[in-house]
Amino acid sequence: MQATSVAKRSDEKNVQSREETRASERYLRPVVDIIEAENGLTMIADLPGAAKDTLDINVDKGILTLNAPVSRSMPGRPLYTEFEYAHYYRQFTIPESLDHEKSKADFSNGVLTLRVPVAESAKPRKIEIKAG
């Protein structure tokens, strides 16, 4: 009797869709956590080496794009490195029910926290019944 496995084959788990980039330059995909709550989405992205003034976050046609160039300036000569320096680039499709105009972003110590609230028109409402 042949055993059946519920788990997927390891080569199927590692298949990822390719994100499109507009340049031939090499990019790193930043590690991102996305948290959904009743009031909207919170995204936390690790962008070590990026600078606040060069970080670009934009939304166009439901696509949220993070683009962060990284500076390679280091004092001295590196003897051993484990961190790869390259520009960060990542895109996400986000729902139209979010209010992009009221988004807020904080960037501190290489961590980006982006909050996108739910639009007022998408929030559930109670309809008042009038007598008469």
C-alpha atoms as a PDB file:
ATOM      1  CA  MET A   1       0.000   0.000   0.000  1.00  0.00           C
ATOM      2  CA  GLN A   2       1.374   3.409  -0.959  1.00  0.00           C
ATOM      3  CA  ALA A   3       1.471   6.140   1.679  1.00  0.00           C
ATOM      4  CA  THR A   4      -0.157   9.455   0.824  1.00  0.00           C
ATOM      5  CA  SER A   5       1.192  12.736   2.123  1.00  0.00           C
ATOM      6  CA  VAL A   6      -0.802  15.814   2.985  1.00  0.00           C
ATOM      7  CA  ALA A   7       2.272  18.063   2.736  1.00  0.00           C
ATOM      8  CA  LYS A   8       3.226  19.649  -0.562  1.00  0.00           C
ATOM      9  CA  ARG A   9       6.415  18.721  -2.313  1.00  0.00           C
ATOM     10  CA  SER A  10       9.291  20.993  -1.302  1.00  0.00           C
ATOM     11  CA  ASP A  11       9.845  22.275  -4.856  1.00  0.00           C
ATOM     12  CA  GLU A  12       6.200  23.467  -5.040  1.00  0.00           C
ATOM     13  CA  LYS A  13       6.425  25.483  -1.802  1.00  0.00           C
ATOM     14  CA  ASN A  14       9.340  27.603  -3.013  1.00  0.00           C
ATOM     15  CA  VAL A  15       7.691  28.802  -6.220  1.00  0.00           C
ATOM     16  CA  GLN A  16       7.099  32.553  -6.028  1.00  0.00           C
ATOM     17  CA  SER A  17       5.690  34.988  -8.506  1.00  0.00           C
ATOM     18  CA  ARG A  18       8.217  37.428  -9.925  1.00  0.00           C
ATOM     19  CA  GLU A  19       7.828  41.078  -9.055  1.00  0.00           C
ATOM     20  CA  GLU A  20       8.284  43.381 -11.984  1.00  0.00           C
ATOM     21  CA  THR A  21      10.996  46.006 -11.835  1.00  0.00           C
ATOM     22  CA  ARG A  22      11.502  48.831 -14.274  1.00  0.00           C
ATOM     23  CA  ALA A  23      15.271  48.801 -14.312  1.00  0.00           C
ATOM     24  CA  SER A  24      17.951  46.221 -14.913  1.00  0.00           C
ATOM     25  CA  GLU A  25      19.341  47.058 -11.480  1.00  0.00           C
ATOM     26  CA  ARG A  26      19.323  44.359  -8.813  1.00  0.00           C
ATOM     27  CA  TYR A  27      16.808  44.715  -5.945  1.00  0.00           C
ATOM     28  CA  LEU A  28      16.257  43.077  -2.581  1.00  0.00           C
ATOM     29  CA  ARG A  29      12.755  42.202  -1.363  1.00  0.00           C
ATOM     30  CA  PRO A  30      12.401  43.641   2.146  1.00  0.00           C
ATOM     31  CA  VAL A  31      10.897  41.473   4.859  1.00  0.00           C
ATOM     32  CA  VAL A  32       7.349  42.701   5.538  1.00  0.00           C
ATOM     33  CA  ASP A  33       4.611  41.969   8.079  1.00  0.00           C
ATOM     34  CA  ILE A  34       1.055  43.049   7.215  1.00  0.00           C
ATOM     35  CA  ILE A  35      -1.502  43.246  10.004  1.00  0.00           C
ATOM     36  CA  GLU A  36      -5.198  43.688   9.267  1.00  0.00           C
ATOM     37  CA  ALA A  37      -7.484  45.268  11.857  1.00  0.00           C
ATOM     38  CA  GLU A  38     -10.984  46.753  11.796  1.00  0.00           C
ATOM     39  CA  ASN A  39      -9.582  50.252  11.297  1.00  0.00           C
ATOM     40  CA  GLY A  40      -7.220  49.359   8.411  1.00  0.00           C
ATOM     41  CA  LEU A  41      -3.883  47.790   7.541  1.00  0.00           C
ATOM     42  CA  THR A  42      -0.530  48.189   9.236  1.00  0.00           C
ATOM     43  CA  MET A  43       2.583  47.209   7.329  1.00  0.00           C
ATOM     44  CA  ILE A  44       5.969  46.837   8.989  1.00  0.00           C
ATOM     45  CA  ALA A  45       8.983  46.557   6.652  1.00  0.00           C
ATOM     46  CA  ASP A  46      12.640  46.019   7.540  1.00  0.00           C
ATOM     47  CA  LEU A  47      14.824  48.309   5.427  1.00  0.00           C
ATOM     48  CA  PRO A  48      18.294  48.306   7.033  1.00  0.00           C
ATOM     49  CA  GLY A  49      20.683  50.735   5.399  1.00  0.00           C
ATOM     50  CA  ALA A  50      17.923  52.845   3.809  1.00  0.00           C
ATOM     51  CA  ALA A  51      17.593  56.549   4.563  1.00  0.00           C
ATOM     52  CA  LYS A  52      14.334  58.316   5.400  1.00  0.00           C
ATOM     53  CA  ASP A  53      14.881  61.071   2.831  1.00  0.00           C
ATOM     54  CA  THR A  54      15.357  58.617  -0.096  1.00  0.00           C
ATOM     55  CA  LEU A  55      12.529  56.223   0.815  1.00  0.00           C
ATOM     56  CA  ASP A  56       9.710  56.314  -1.756  1.00  0.00           C
ATOM     57  CA  ILE A  57       6.228  54.964  -0.924  1.00  0.00           C
ATOM     58  CA  ASN A  58       3.397  55.437  -3.409  1.00  0.00           C
ATOM     59  CA  VAL A  59       0.040  54.011  -4.429  1.00  0.00           C
ATOM     60  CA  ASP A  60      -1.082  53.913  -8.046  1.00  0.00           C
ATOM     61  CA  LYS A  61      -4.111  51.985  -9.342  1.00  0.00           C
ATOM     62  CA  GLY A  62      -4.299  49.787  -6.240  1.00  0.00           C
ATOM     63  CA  ILE A  63      -0.570  48.921  -6.246  1.00  0.00           C
ATOM     64  CA  LEU A  64       1.475  49.975  -3.220  1.00  0.00           C
ATOM     65  CA  THR A  65       5.155  50.333  -4.115  1.00  0.00           C
ATOM     66  CA  LEU A  66       8.104  50.565  -1.709  1.00  0.00           C
ATOM     67  CA  ASN A  67      11.373  51.754  -3.211  1.00  0.00           C
ATOM     68  CA  ALA A  68      14.389  52.472  -1.028  1.00  0.00           C
ATOM     69  CA  PRO A  69      17.897  53.090  -2.310  1.00  0.00           C
ATOM     70  CA  VAL A  70      20.670  52.001   0.046  1.00  0.00           C
ATOM     71  CA  SER A  71      23.911  53.857   0.686  1.00  0.00           C
ATOM     72  CA  ARG A  72      27.025  51.689   0.689  1.00  0.00           C
ATOM     73  CA  SER A  73      29.253  54.132   2.514  1.00  0.00           C
ATOM     74  CA  MET A  74      31.073  52.480   5.410  1.00  0.00           C
ATOM     75  CA  PRO A  75      34.107  53.713   7.300  1.00  0.00           C
ATOM     76  CA  GLY A  76      37.170  51.523   6.855  1.00  0.00           C
ATOM     77  CA  ARG A  77      37.521  48.346   4.830  1.00  0.00           C
ATOM     78  CA  PRO A  78      35.022  45.529   5.466  1.00  0.00           C
ATOM     79  CA  LEU A  79      36.726  42.258   6.444  1.00  0.00           C
ATOM     80  CA  TYR A  80      33.584  40.156   6.676  1.00  0.00           C
ATOM     81  CA  THR A  81      29.976  41.002   5.774  1.00  0.00           C
ATOM     82  CA  GLU A  82      26.749  39.039   6.004  1.00  0.00           C
ATOM     83  CA  PHE A  83      24.398  41.829   4.962  1.00  0.00           C
ATOM     84  CA  GLU A  84      23.926  42.334   1.234  1.00  0.00           C
ATOM     85  CA  TYR A  85      23.644  45.939   0.066  1.00  0.00           C
ATOM     86  CA  ALA A  86      21.214  46.600  -2.761  1.00  0.00           C
ATOM     87  CA  HIS A  87      18.175  48.799  -3.314  1.00  0.00           C
ATOM     88  CA  TYR A  88      14.889  47.613  -1.800  1.00  0.00           C
ATOM     89  CA  TYR A  89      11.859  47.228  -4.034  1.00  0.00           C
ATOM     90  CA  ARG A  90       8.512  45.602  -3.269  1.00  0.00           C
ATOM     91  CA  GLN A  91       4.962  45.884  -4.569  1.00  0.00           C
ATOM     92  CA  PHE A  92       1.616  44.890  -3.051  1.00  0.00           C
ATOM     93  CA  THR A  93      -1.928  44.928  -4.357  1.00  0.00           C
ATOM     94  CA  ILE A  94      -4.107  46.625  -1.755  1.00  0.00           C
ATOM     95  CA  PRO A  95      -7.899  46.928  -1.688  1.00  0.00           C
ATOM     96  CA  GLU A  96      -9.633  50.070  -2.913  1.00  0.00           C
ATOM     97  CA  SER A  97     -11.614  50.164   0.353  1.00  0.00           C
ATOM     98  CA  LEU A  98      -8.571  51.728   2.049  1.00  0.00           C
ATOM     99  CA  ASP A  99      -8.148  55.496   2.295  1.00  0.00           C
ATOM    100  CA  HIS A 100      -4.718  56.116   0.748  1.00  0.00           C
ATOM    101  CA  GLU A 101      -4.989  59.869   1.331  1.00  0.00           C
ATOM    102  CA  LYS A 102      -4.950  59.397   5.129  1.00  0.00           C
ATOM    103  CA  SER A 103      -1.996  56.975   5.203  1.00  0.00           C
ATOM    104  CA  LYS A 104       0.738  57.622   7.761  1.00  0.00           C
ATOM    105  CA  ALA A 105       4.319  56.363   7.626  1.00  0.00           C
ATOM    106  CA  ASP A 106       7.006  56.305  10.306  1.00  0.00           C
ATOM    107  CA  PHE A 107      10.623  55.337   9.655  1.00  0.00           C
ATOM    108  CA  SER A 108      12.969  54.709  12.553  1.00  0.00           C
ATOM    109  CA  ASN A 109      16.149  52.630  12.883  1.00  0.00           C
ATOM    110  CA  GLY A 110      15.635  50.946   9.504  1.00  0.00           C
ATOM    111  CA  VAL A 111      12.028  49.912  10.211  1.00  0.00           C
ATOM    112  CA  LEU A 112       9.143  51.376   8.209  1.00  0.00           C
ATOM    113  CA  THR A 113       5.671  51.343   9.790  1.00  0.00           C
ATOM    114  CA  LEU A 114       2.903  52.256   7.352  1.00  0.00           C
ATOM    115  CA  ARG A 115      -0.725  52.628   8.483  1.00  0.00           C
ATOM    116  CA  VAL A 116      -3.503  52.768   5.881  1.00  0.00           C
ATOM    117  CA  PRO A 117      -6.981  53.308   7.369  1.00  0.00           C
ATOM    118  CA  VAL A 118     -10.253  51.965   5.987  1.00  0.00           C
ATOM    119  CA  ALA A 119     -12.187  54.562   3.971  1.00  0.00           C
ATOM    120  CA  GLU A 120     -15.287  55.971   5.677  1.00  0.00           C
ATOM    121  CA  SER A 121     -17.446  54.791   2.760  1.00  0.00           C
ATOM    122  CA  ALA A 122     -16.264  51.196   3.287  1.00  0.00           C
ATOM    123  CA  LYS A 123     -17.012  51.086   7.021  1.00  0.00           C
ATOM    124  CA  PRO A 124     -20.210  49.325   8.063  1.00  0.00           C
ATOM    125  CA  ARG A 125     -23.036  51.673   9.073  1.00  0.00           C
ATOM    126  CA  LYS A 126     -26.302  51.248  10.857  1.00  0.00           C
ATOM    127  CA  ILE A 127     -29.290  52.595   8.958  1.00  0.00           C
ATOM    128  CA  GLU A 128     -31.743  54.457  11.118  1.00  0.00           C
ATOM    129  CA  ILE A 129     -35.422  53.556  10.704  1.00  0.00           C
ATOM    130  CA  LYS A 130     -37.784  56.488  10.941  1.00  0.00           C
ATOM    131  CA  ALA A 131     -41.335  56.029  12.169  1.00  0.00           C
ATOM    132  CA  GLY A 132     -44.218  57.319  10.165  1.00  0.00           C
END
